[in-house]
């Protein structure tokens, strides 16, 4: 439901169900390169990250995630491929 405009009632229900405002579009829970996962926020055109998205990014980085903001799917694909090419440092 990221990016979807919700009514106040819908937003309250979503929050109670565990939705996090500013949550990123793609979360890959696969450890690589010393990270526990990859989180990507997709952007388009001149869109910029919101304050909530930046806070989520900081929180995820503190927890051990690699975080990327990508303008378009092609950029996200490159980030995902490079991330997955790294060794799993846990082994």
PDB file of N, CA and C in Angstrom:
ATOM      1  N   UNK A   1       0.823  -1.200   0.000  1.00  0.00           N
ATOM      2  CA  UNK A   1       0.000   0.000   0.000  1.00  0.00           C
ATOM      3  C   UNK A   1       0.862   1.257   0.000  1.00  0.00           C
ATOM      4  N   UNK A   2       2.164   1.079  -0.213  1.00  0.00           N
ATOM      5  CA  UNK A   2       3.042   2.245  -0.252  1.00  0.00           C
ATOM      6  C   UNK A   2       2.609   3.202  -1.353  1.00  0.00           C
ATOM      7  N   UNK A   3       2.554   4.462  -1.034  1.00  0.00           N
ATOM      8  CA  UNK A   3       2.215   5.475  -2.018  1.00  0.00           C
ATOM      9  C   UNK A   3       0.739   5.652  -2.264  1.00  0.00           C
ATOM     10  N   UNK A   4      -0.098   4.857  -1.620  1.00  0.00           N
ATOM     11  CA  UNK A   4      -1.543   4.935  -1.806  1.00  0.00           C
ATOM     12  C   UNK A   4      -2.105   5.949  -0.822  1.00  0.00           C
ATOM     13  N   UNK A   5      -2.944   6.846  -1.321  1.00  0.00           N
ATOM     14  CA  UNK A   5      -3.600   7.825  -0.448  1.00  0.00           C
ATOM     15  C   UNK A   5      -4.723   7.124   0.313  1.00  0.00           C
ATOM     16  N   UNK A   6      -4.696   7.230   1.627  1.00  0.00           N
ATOM     17  CA  UNK A   6      -5.687   6.576   2.475  1.00  0.00           C
ATOM     18  C   UNK A   6      -6.500   7.617   3.223  1.00  0.00           C
ATOM     19  N   UNK A   7      -7.747   7.256   3.497  1.00  0.00           N
ATOM     20  CA  UNK A   7      -8.558   8.110   4.352  1.00  0.00           C
ATOM     21  C   UNK A   7      -8.011   7.997   5.770  1.00  0.00           C
ATOM     22  N   UNK A   8      -8.454   8.861   6.654  1.00  0.00           N
ATOM     23  CA  UNK A   8      -7.992   8.816   8.042  1.00  0.00           C
ATOM     24  C   UNK A   8      -8.316   7.452   8.674  1.00  0.00           C
ATOM     25  N   UNK A   9      -9.516   6.932   8.411  1.00  0.00           N
ATOM     26  CA  UNK A   9      -9.923   5.634   8.960  1.00  0.00           C
ATOM     27  C   UNK A   9      -9.042   4.518   8.410  1.00  0.00           C
ATOM     28  N   UNK A  10      -8.813   4.533   7.084  1.00  0.00           N
ATOM     29  CA  UNK A  10      -7.960   3.515   6.471  1.00  0.00           C
ATOM     30  C   UNK A  10      -6.538   3.589   7.009  1.00  0.00           C
ATOM     31  N   UNK A  11      -6.021   4.800   7.169  1.00  0.00           N
ATOM     32  CA  UNK A  11      -4.665   4.981   7.682  1.00  0.00           C
ATOM     33  C   UNK A  11      -4.550   4.446   9.108  1.00  0.00           C
ATOM     34  N   UNK A  12      -5.564   4.693   9.926  1.00  0.00           N
ATOM     35  CA  UNK A  12      -5.567   4.184  11.301  1.00  0.00           C
ATOM     36  C   UNK A  12      -5.562   2.667  11.312  1.00  0.00           C
ATOM     37  N   UNK A  13      -6.401   2.057  10.460  1.00  0.00           N
ATOM     38  CA  UNK A  13      -6.443   0.594  10.381  1.00  0.00           C
ATOM     39  C   UNK A  13      -5.111   0.036   9.895  1.00  0.00           C
ATOM     40  N   UNK A  14      -4.520   0.689   8.903  1.00  0.00           N
ATOM     41  CA  UNK A  14      -3.233   0.232   8.373  1.00  0.00           C
ATOM     42  C   UNK A  14      -2.149   0.310   9.439  1.00  0.00           C
ATOM     43  N   UNK A  15      -2.138   1.397  10.199  1.00  0.00           N
ATOM     44  CA  UNK A  15      -1.139   1.559  11.261  1.00  0.00           C
ATOM     45  C   UNK A  15      -1.319   0.490  12.333  1.00  0.00           C
ATOM     46  N   UNK A  16      -2.566   0.215  12.705  1.00  0.00           N
ATOM     47  CA  UNK A  16      -2.835  -0.820  13.703  1.00  0.00           C
ATOM     48  C   UNK A  16      -2.439  -2.201  13.192  1.00  0.00           C
ATOM     49  N   UNK A  17      -2.477  -2.376  11.872  1.00  0.00           N
ATOM     50  CA  UNK A  17      -2.102  -3.659  11.274  1.00  0.00           C
ATOM     51  C   UNK A  17      -0.592  -3.792  11.106  1.00  0.00           C
ATOM     52  N   UNK A  18       0.155  -2.724  11.440  1.00  0.00           N
ATOM     53  CA  UNK A  18       1.604  -2.810  11.405  1.00  0.00           C
ATOM     54  C   UNK A  18       2.287  -2.069  10.271  1.00  0.00           C
ATOM     55  N   UNK A  19       1.533  -1.338   9.452  1.00  0.00           N
ATOM     56  CA  UNK A  19       2.162  -0.568   8.382  1.00  0.00           C
ATOM     57  C   UNK A  19       3.010   0.547   8.966  1.00  0.00           C
ATOM     58  N   UNK A  20       4.151   0.762   8.364  1.00  0.00           N
ATOM     59  CA  UNK A  20       5.082   1.784   8.808  1.00  0.00           C
ATOM     60  C   UNK A  20       5.131   2.890   7.764  1.00  0.00           C
ATOM     61  N   UNK A  21       4.791   4.109   8.149  1.00  0.00           N
ATOM     62  CA  UNK A  21       4.849   5.232   7.228  1.00  0.00           C
ATOM     63  C   UNK A  21       6.302   5.443   6.807  1.00  0.00           C
ATOM     64  N   UNK A  22       6.518   5.561   5.494  1.00  0.00           N
ATOM     65  CA  UNK A  22       7.865   5.738   4.988  1.00  0.00           C
ATOM     66  C   UNK A  22       8.562   4.433   4.629  1.00  0.00           C
ATOM     67  N   UNK A  23       7.855   3.304   4.807  1.00  0.00           N
ATOM     68  CA  UNK A  23       8.455   2.009   4.495  1.00  0.00           C
ATOM     69  C   UNK A  23       8.829   1.948   3.017  1.00  0.00           C
ATOM     70  N   UNK A  24       9.946   1.323   2.713  1.00  0.00           N
ATOM     71  CA  UNK A  24      10.462   1.284   1.348  1.00  0.00           C
ATOM     72  C   UNK A  24       9.701   0.283   0.485  1.00  0.00           C
ATOM     73  N   UNK A  25       9.836   0.428  -0.819  1.00  0.00           N
ATOM     74  CA  UNK A  25       9.070  -0.370  -1.772  1.00  0.00           C
ATOM     75  C   UNK A  25       9.541  -1.813  -1.881  1.00  0.00           C
ATOM     76  N   UNK A  26      10.845  -2.024  -1.798  1.00  0.00           N
ATOM     77  CA  UNK A  26      11.395  -3.369  -1.965  1.00  0.00           C
ATOM     78  C   UNK A  26      12.274  -3.701  -0.764  1.00  0.00           C
ATOM     79  N   UNK A  27      12.029  -4.862  -0.178  1.00  0.00           N
ATOM     80  CA  UNK A  27      12.872  -5.321   0.925  1.00  0.00           C
ATOM     81  C   UNK A  27      13.306  -6.738   0.589  1.00  0.00           C
ATOM     82  N   UNK A  28      14.601  -6.950   0.486  1.00  0.00           N
ATOM     83  CA  UNK A  28      15.160  -8.252   0.159  1.00  0.00           C
ATOM     84  C   UNK A  28      15.867  -8.787   1.400  1.00  0.00           C
ATOM     85  N   UNK A  29      15.238  -9.726   2.110  1.00  0.00           N
ATOM     86  CA  UNK A  29      15.820 -10.231   3.366  1.00  0.00           C
ATOM     87  C   UNK A  29      16.848 -11.336   3.120  1.00  0.00           C
ATOM     88  N   UNK A  30      17.903 -11.000   2.377  1.00  0.00           N
ATOM     89  CA  UNK A  30      18.950 -11.949   2.027  1.00  0.00           C
ATOM     90  C   UNK A  30      20.290 -11.335   2.423  1.00  0.00           C
ATOM     91  N   UNK A  31      21.046 -12.033   3.247  1.00  0.00           N
ATOM     92  CA  UNK A  31      22.337 -11.516   3.713  1.00  0.00           C
ATOM     93  C   UNK A  31      23.388 -11.607   2.615  1.00  0.00           C
ATOM     94  N   UNK A  32      24.076 -10.495   2.389  1.00  0.00           N
ATOM     95  CA  UNK A  32      25.189 -10.439   1.443  1.00  0.00           C
ATOM     96  C   UNK A  32      26.133  -9.325   1.872  1.00  0.00           C
ATOM     97  N   UNK A  33      27.418  -9.532   1.624  1.00  0.00           N
ATOM     98  CA  UNK A  33      28.410  -8.483   1.832  1.00  0.00           C
ATOM     99  C   UNK A  33      28.433  -7.876   3.222  1.00  0.00           C
ATOM    100  N   UNK A  34      28.084  -8.651   4.221  1.00  0.00           N
ATOM    101  CA  UNK A  34      28.074  -8.135   5.586  1.00  0.00           C
ATOM    102  C   UNK A  34      26.774  -7.457   5.990  1.00  0.00           C
ATOM    103  N   UNK A  35      25.826  -7.348   5.063  1.00  0.00           N
ATOM    104  CA  UNK A  35      24.511  -6.772   5.366  1.00  0.00           C
ATOM    105  C   UNK A  35      23.514  -7.890   5.621  1.00  0.00           C
ATOM    106  N   UNK A  36      22.471  -7.597   6.391  1.00  0.00           N
ATOM    107  CA  UNK A  36      21.442  -8.610   6.650  1.00  0.00           C
ATOM    108  C   UNK A  36      20.345  -8.580   5.591  1.00  0.00           C
ATOM    109  N   UNK A  37      20.335  -7.564   4.755  1.00  0.00           N
ATOM    110  CA  UNK A  37      19.341  -7.458   3.700  1.00  0.00           C
ATOM    111  C   UNK A  37      19.519  -6.172   2.918  1.00  0.00           C
ATOM    112  N   UNK A  38      18.646  -6.011   1.918  1.00  0.00           N
ATOM    113  CA  UNK A  38      18.668  -4.845   1.037  1.00  0.00           C
ATOM    114  C   UNK A  38      17.291  -4.200   1.044  1.00  0.00           C
ATOM    115  N   UNK A  39      17.249  -2.894   1.159  1.00  0.00           N
ATOM    116  CA  UNK A  39      15.993  -2.152   1.113  1.00  0.00           C
ATOM    117  C   UNK A  39      16.107  -1.068   0.049  1.00  0.00           C
ATOM    118  N   UNK A  40      15.122  -1.018  -0.850  1.00  0.00           N
ATOM    119  CA  UNK A  40      15.147  -0.051  -1.941  1.00  0.00           C
ATOM    120  C   UNK A  40      13.861   0.766  -1.941  1.00  0.00           C
ATOM    121  N   UNK A  41      14.023   2.063  -2.031  1.00  0.00           N
ATOM    122  CA  UNK A  41      12.896   2.971  -2.234  1.00  0.00           C
ATOM    123  C   UNK A  41      12.954   3.412  -3.690  1.00  0.00           C
ATOM    124  N   UNK A  42      11.888   3.121  -4.435  1.00  0.00           N
ATOM    125  CA  UNK A  42      11.814   3.490  -5.845  1.00  0.00           C
ATOM    126  C   UNK A  42      11.280   4.904  -5.992  1.00  0.00           C
ATOM    127  N   UNK A  43      11.911   5.655  -6.860  1.00  0.00           N
ATOM    128  CA  UNK A  43      11.497   7.026  -7.150  1.00  0.00           C
ATOM    129  C   UNK A  43      11.296   7.163  -8.653  1.00  0.00           C
ATOM    130  N   UNK A  44      10.584   8.213  -9.043  1.00  0.00           N
ATOM    131  CA  UNK A  44      10.313   8.457 -10.440  1.00  0.00           C
ATOM    132  C   UNK A  44      10.444   9.943 -10.741  1.00  0.00           C
ATOM    133  N   UNK A  45      11.058  10.248 -11.872  1.00  0.00           N
ATOM    134  CA  UNK A  45      11.163  11.643 -12.290  1.00  0.00           C
ATOM    135  C   UNK A  45      11.920  12.492 -11.288  1.00  0.00           C
ATOM    136  N   UNK A  46      11.300  13.588 -10.860  1.00  0.00           N
ATOM    137  CA  UNK A  46      11.940  14.516  -9.928  1.00  0.00           C
ATOM    138  C   UNK A  46      11.537  14.266  -8.479  1.00  0.00           C
ATOM    139  N   UNK A  47      10.874  13.129  -8.218  1.00  0.00           N
ATOM    140  CA  UNK A  47      10.468  12.814  -6.843  1.00  0.00           C
ATOM    141  C   UNK A  47      11.685  12.728  -5.935  1.00  0.00           C
ATOM    142  N   UNK A  48      11.506  13.151  -4.708  1.00  0.00           N
ATOM    143  CA  UNK A  48      12.556  13.091  -3.696  1.00  0.00           C
ATOM    144  C   UNK A  48      12.079  12.235  -2.536  1.00  0.00           C
ATOM    145  N   UNK A  49      13.013  11.743  -1.765  1.00  0.00           N
ATOM    146  CA  UNK A  49      12.668  10.948  -0.587  1.00  0.00           C
ATOM    147  C   UNK A  49      11.966  11.833   0.442  1.00  0.00           C
ATOM    148  N   UNK A  50      10.959  11.259   1.091  1.00  0.00           N
ATOM    149  CA  UNK A  50      10.267  11.986   2.148  1.00  0.00           C
ATOM    150  C   UNK A  50      11.067  11.896   3.438  1.00  0.00           C
ATOM    151  N   UNK A  51      10.725  12.726   4.381  1.00  0.00           N
ATOM    152  CA  UNK A  51      11.388  12.686   5.690  1.00  0.00           C
ATOM    153  C   UNK A  51      11.203  11.316   6.331  1.00  0.00           C
ATOM    154  N   UNK A  52       9.999  10.748   6.202  1.00  0.00           N
ATOM    155  CA  UNK A  52       9.737   9.424   6.782  1.00  0.00           C
ATOM    156  C   UNK A  52      10.602   8.353   6.112  1.00  0.00           C
ATOM    157  N   UNK A  53      10.764   8.427   4.785  1.00  0.00           N
ATOM    158  CA  UNK A  53      11.588   7.450   4.069  1.00  0.00           C
ATOM    159  C   UNK A  53      13.051   7.564   4.474  1.00  0.00           C
ATOM    160  N   UNK A  54      13.519   8.768   4.701  1.00  0.00           N
ATOM    161  CA  UNK A  54      14.896   8.954   5.154  1.00  0.00           C
ATOM    162  C   UNK A  54      15.092   8.410   6.566  1.00  0.00           C
ATOM    163  N   UNK A  55      14.096   8.588   7.435  1.00  0.00           N
ATOM    164  CA  UNK A  55      14.180   8.042   8.797  1.00  0.00           C
ATOM    165  C   UNK A  55      14.197   6.520   8.768  1.00  0.00           C
ATOM    166  N   UNK A  56      13.350   5.928   7.924  1.00  0.00           N
ATOM    167  CA  UNK A  56      13.331   4.467   7.795  1.00  0.00           C
ATOM    168  C   UNK A  56      14.681   3.986   7.271  1.00  0.00           C
ATOM    169  N   UNK A  57      15.252   4.704   6.295  1.00  0.00           N
ATOM    170  CA  UNK A  57      16.558   4.336   5.744  1.00  0.00           C
ATOM    171  C   UNK A  57      17.627   4.341   6.831  1.00  0.00           C
ATOM    172  N   UNK A  58      17.631   5.364   7.651  1.00  0.00           N
ATOM    173  CA  UNK A  58      18.610   5.458   8.735  1.00  0.00           C
ATOM    174  C   UNK A  58      18.430   4.317   9.727  1.00  0.00           C
ATOM    175  N   UNK A  59      17.189   4.027  10.077  1.00  0.00           N
ATOM    176  CA  UNK A  59      16.896   2.935  11.008  1.00  0.00           C
ATOM    177  C   UNK A  59      17.360   1.598  10.436  1.00  0.00           C
ATOM    178  N   UNK A  60      17.054   1.351   9.140  1.00  0.00           N
ATOM    179  CA  UNK A  60      17.459   0.093   8.521  1.00  0.00           C
ATOM    180  C   UNK A  60      18.979  -0.034   8.438  1.00  0.00           C
ATOM    181  N   UNK A  61      19.661   1.047   8.098  1.00  0.00           N
ATOM    182  CA  UNK A  61      21.125   1.013   8.058  1.00  0.00           C
ATOM    183  C   UNK A  61      21.693   0.706   9.436  1.00  0.00           C
ATOM    184  N   UNK A  62      21.116   1.293  10.472  1.00  0.00           N
ATOM    185  CA  UNK A  62      21.560   1.008  11.842  1.00  0.00           C
ATOM    186  C   UNK A  62      21.346  -0.459  12.206  1.00  0.00           C
ATOM    187  N   UNK A  63      20.343  -1.086  11.608  1.00  0.00           N
ATOM    188  CA  UNK A  63      20.042  -2.493  11.886  1.00  0.00           C
ATOM    189  C   UNK A  63      20.843  -3.458  11.023  1.00  0.00           C
ATOM    190  N   UNK A  64      21.600  -2.931  10.048  1.00  0.00           N
ATOM    191  CA  UNK A  64      22.455  -3.791   9.242  1.00  0.00           C
ATOM    192  C   UNK A  64      22.034  -3.976   7.797  1.00  0.00           C
ATOM    193  N   UNK A  65      21.079  -3.204   7.319  1.00  0.00           N
ATOM    194  CA  UNK A  65      20.642  -3.288   5.928  1.00  0.00           C
ATOM    195  C   UNK A  65      21.467  -2.366   5.043  1.00  0.00           C
ATOM    196  N   UNK A  66      21.616  -2.755   3.783  1.00  0.00           N
ATOM    197  CA  UNK A  66      22.080  -1.832   2.761  1.00  0.00           C
ATOM    198  C   UNK A  66      20.827  -1.141   2.240  1.00  0.00           C
ATOM    199  N   UNK A  67      20.872   0.173   2.077  1.00  0.00           N
ATOM    200  CA  UNK A  67      19.713   0.946   1.632  1.00  0.00           C
ATOM    201  C   UNK A  67      20.068   1.699   0.366  1.00  0.00           C
ATOM    202  N   UNK A  68      19.121   1.712  -0.586  1.00  0.00           N
ATOM    203  CA  UNK A  68      19.333   2.454  -1.824  1.00  0.00           C
ATOM    204  C   UNK A  68      18.047   3.171  -2.220  1.00  0.00           C
ATOM    205  N   UNK A  69      18.203   4.349  -2.782  1.00  0.00           N
ATOM    206  CA  UNK A  69      17.105   5.084  -3.397  1.00  0.00           C
ATOM    207  C   UNK A  69      17.374   5.042  -4.897  1.00  0.00           C
ATOM    208  N   UNK A  70      16.438   4.493  -5.659  1.00  0.00           N
ATOM    209  CA  UNK A  70      16.648   4.281  -7.093  1.00  0.00           C
ATOM    210  C   UNK A  70      15.566   4.985  -7.903  1.00  0.00           C
ATOM    211  N   UNK A  71      16.003   5.715  -8.915  1.00  0.00           N
ATOM    212  CA  UNK A  71      15.069   6.374  -9.812  1.00  0.00           C
ATOM    213  C   UNK A  71      14.840   5.468 -11.008  1.00  0.00           C
ATOM    214  N   UNK A  72      13.766   4.687 -10.920  1.00  0.00           N
ATOM    215  CA  UNK A  72      13.399   3.762 -11.984  1.00  0.00           C
ATOM    216  C   UNK A  72      13.807   2.334 -11.700  1.00  0.00           C
ATOM    217  N   UNK A  73      13.100   1.419 -12.381  1.00  0.00           N
ATOM    218  CA  UNK A  73      13.319  -0.004 -12.179  1.00  0.00           C
ATOM    219  C   UNK A  73      14.701  -0.438 -12.652  1.00  0.00           C
ATOM    220  N   UNK A  74      15.200   0.126 -13.758  1.00  0.00           N
ATOM    221  CA  UNK A  74      16.513  -0.280 -14.257  1.00  0.00           C
ATOM    222  C   UNK A  74      17.608  -0.029 -13.223  1.00  0.00           C
ATOM    223  N   UNK A  75      17.550   1.118 -12.566  1.00  0.00           N
ATOM    224  CA  UNK A  75      18.532   1.420 -11.521  1.00  0.00           C
ATOM    225  C   UNK A  75      18.405   0.434 -10.364  1.00  0.00           C
ATOM    226  N   UNK A  76      17.179   0.091  -9.999  1.00  0.00           N
ATOM    227  CA  UNK A  76      16.956  -0.877  -8.913  1.00  0.00           C
ATOM    228  C   UNK A  76      17.484  -2.250  -9.307  1.00  0.00           C
ATOM    229  N   UNK A  77      17.283  -2.650 -10.542  1.00  0.00           N
ATOM    230  CA  UNK A  77      17.767  -3.942 -11.010  1.00  0.00           C
ATOM    231  C   UNK A  77      19.288  -4.029 -10.862  1.00  0.00           C
ATOM    232  N   UNK A  78      20.002  -2.968 -11.234  1.00  0.00           N
ATOM    233  CA  UNK A  78      21.470  -2.944 -11.117  1.00  0.00           C
ATOM    234  C   UNK A  78      21.881  -3.085  -9.654  1.00  0.00           C
ATOM    235  N   UNK A  79      21.217  -2.348  -8.758  1.00  0.00           N
ATOM    236  CA  UNK A  79      21.538  -2.426  -7.324  1.00  0.00           C
ATOM    237  C   UNK A  79      21.298  -3.843  -6.803  1.00  0.00           C
ATOM    238  N   UNK A  80      20.163  -4.442  -7.176  1.00  0.00           N
ATOM    239  CA  UNK A  80      19.836  -5.795  -6.718  1.00  0.00           C
ATOM    240  C   UNK A  80      20.861  -6.804  -7.224  1.00  0.00           C
ATOM    241  N   UNK A  81      21.205  -6.722  -8.510  1.00  0.00           N
ATOM    242  CA  UNK A  81      22.178  -7.662  -9.071  1.00  0.00           C
ATOM    243  C   UNK A  81      23.538  -7.536  -8.394  1.00  0.00           C
ATOM    244  N   UNK A  82      24.004  -6.300  -8.193  1.00  0.00           N
ATOM    245  CA  UNK A  82      25.303  -6.101  -7.530  1.00  0.00           C
ATOM    246  C   UNK A  82      25.259  -6.596  -6.092  1.00  0.00           C
ATOM    247  N   UNK A  83      24.133  -6.374  -5.419  1.00  0.00           N
ATOM    248  CA  UNK A  83      23.990  -6.830  -4.038  1.00  0.00           C
ATOM    249  C   UNK A  83      24.082  -8.354  -3.986  1.00  0.00           C
ATOM    250  N   UNK A  84      23.358  -9.030  -4.867  1.00  0.00           N
ATOM    251  CA  UNK A  84      23.317 -10.495  -4.844  1.00  0.00           C
ATOM    252  C   UNK A  84      24.634 -11.127  -5.275  1.00  0.00           C
ATOM    253  N   UNK A  85      25.464 -10.405  -6.017  1.00  0.00           N
ATOM    254  CA  UNK A  85      26.767 -10.923  -6.434  1.00  0.00           C
ATOM    255  C   UNK A  85      27.769 -10.980  -5.283  1.00  0.00           C
ATOM    256  N   UNK A  86      27.499 -10.274  -4.193  1.00  0.00           N
ATOM    257  CA  UNK A  86      28.405 -10.275  -3.048  1.00  0.00           C
ATOM    258  C   UNK A  86      28.337 -11.615  -2.316  1.00  0.00           C
ATOM    259  N   UNK A  87      29.415 -11.951  -1.640  1.00  0.00           N
ATOM    260  CA  UNK A  87      29.439 -13.165  -0.823  1.00  0.00           C
ATOM    261  C   UNK A  87      28.594 -12.980   0.414  1.00  0.00           C
ATOM    262  N   UNK A  88      28.061 -14.095   0.890  1.00  0.00           N
ATOM    263  CA  UNK A  88      27.369 -14.102   2.172  1.00  0.00           C
ATOM    264  C   UNK A  88      28.435 -14.198   3.256  1.00  0.00           C
ATOM    265  N   UNK A  89      28.721 -13.085   3.940  1.00  0.00           N
ATOM    266  CA  UNK A  89      29.811 -13.017   4.921  1.00  0.00           C
ATOM    267  C   UNK A  89      29.511 -13.784   6.205  1.00  0.00           C
ATOM    268  N   UNK A  90      28.303 -14.309   6.344  1.00  0.00           N
ATOM    269  CA  UNK A  90      27.947 -15.053   7.560  1.00  0.00           C
ATOM    270  C   UNK A  90      28.547 -16.446   7.552  1.00  0.00           C
ATOM    271  N   UNK A  91      28.926 -16.957   6.387  1.00  0.00           N
ATOM    272  CA  UNK A  91      29.415 -18.342   6.282  1.00  0.00           C
ATOM    273  C   UNK A  91      30.871 -18.438   6.626  1.00  0.00           C
TER     274      UNK A  91
END
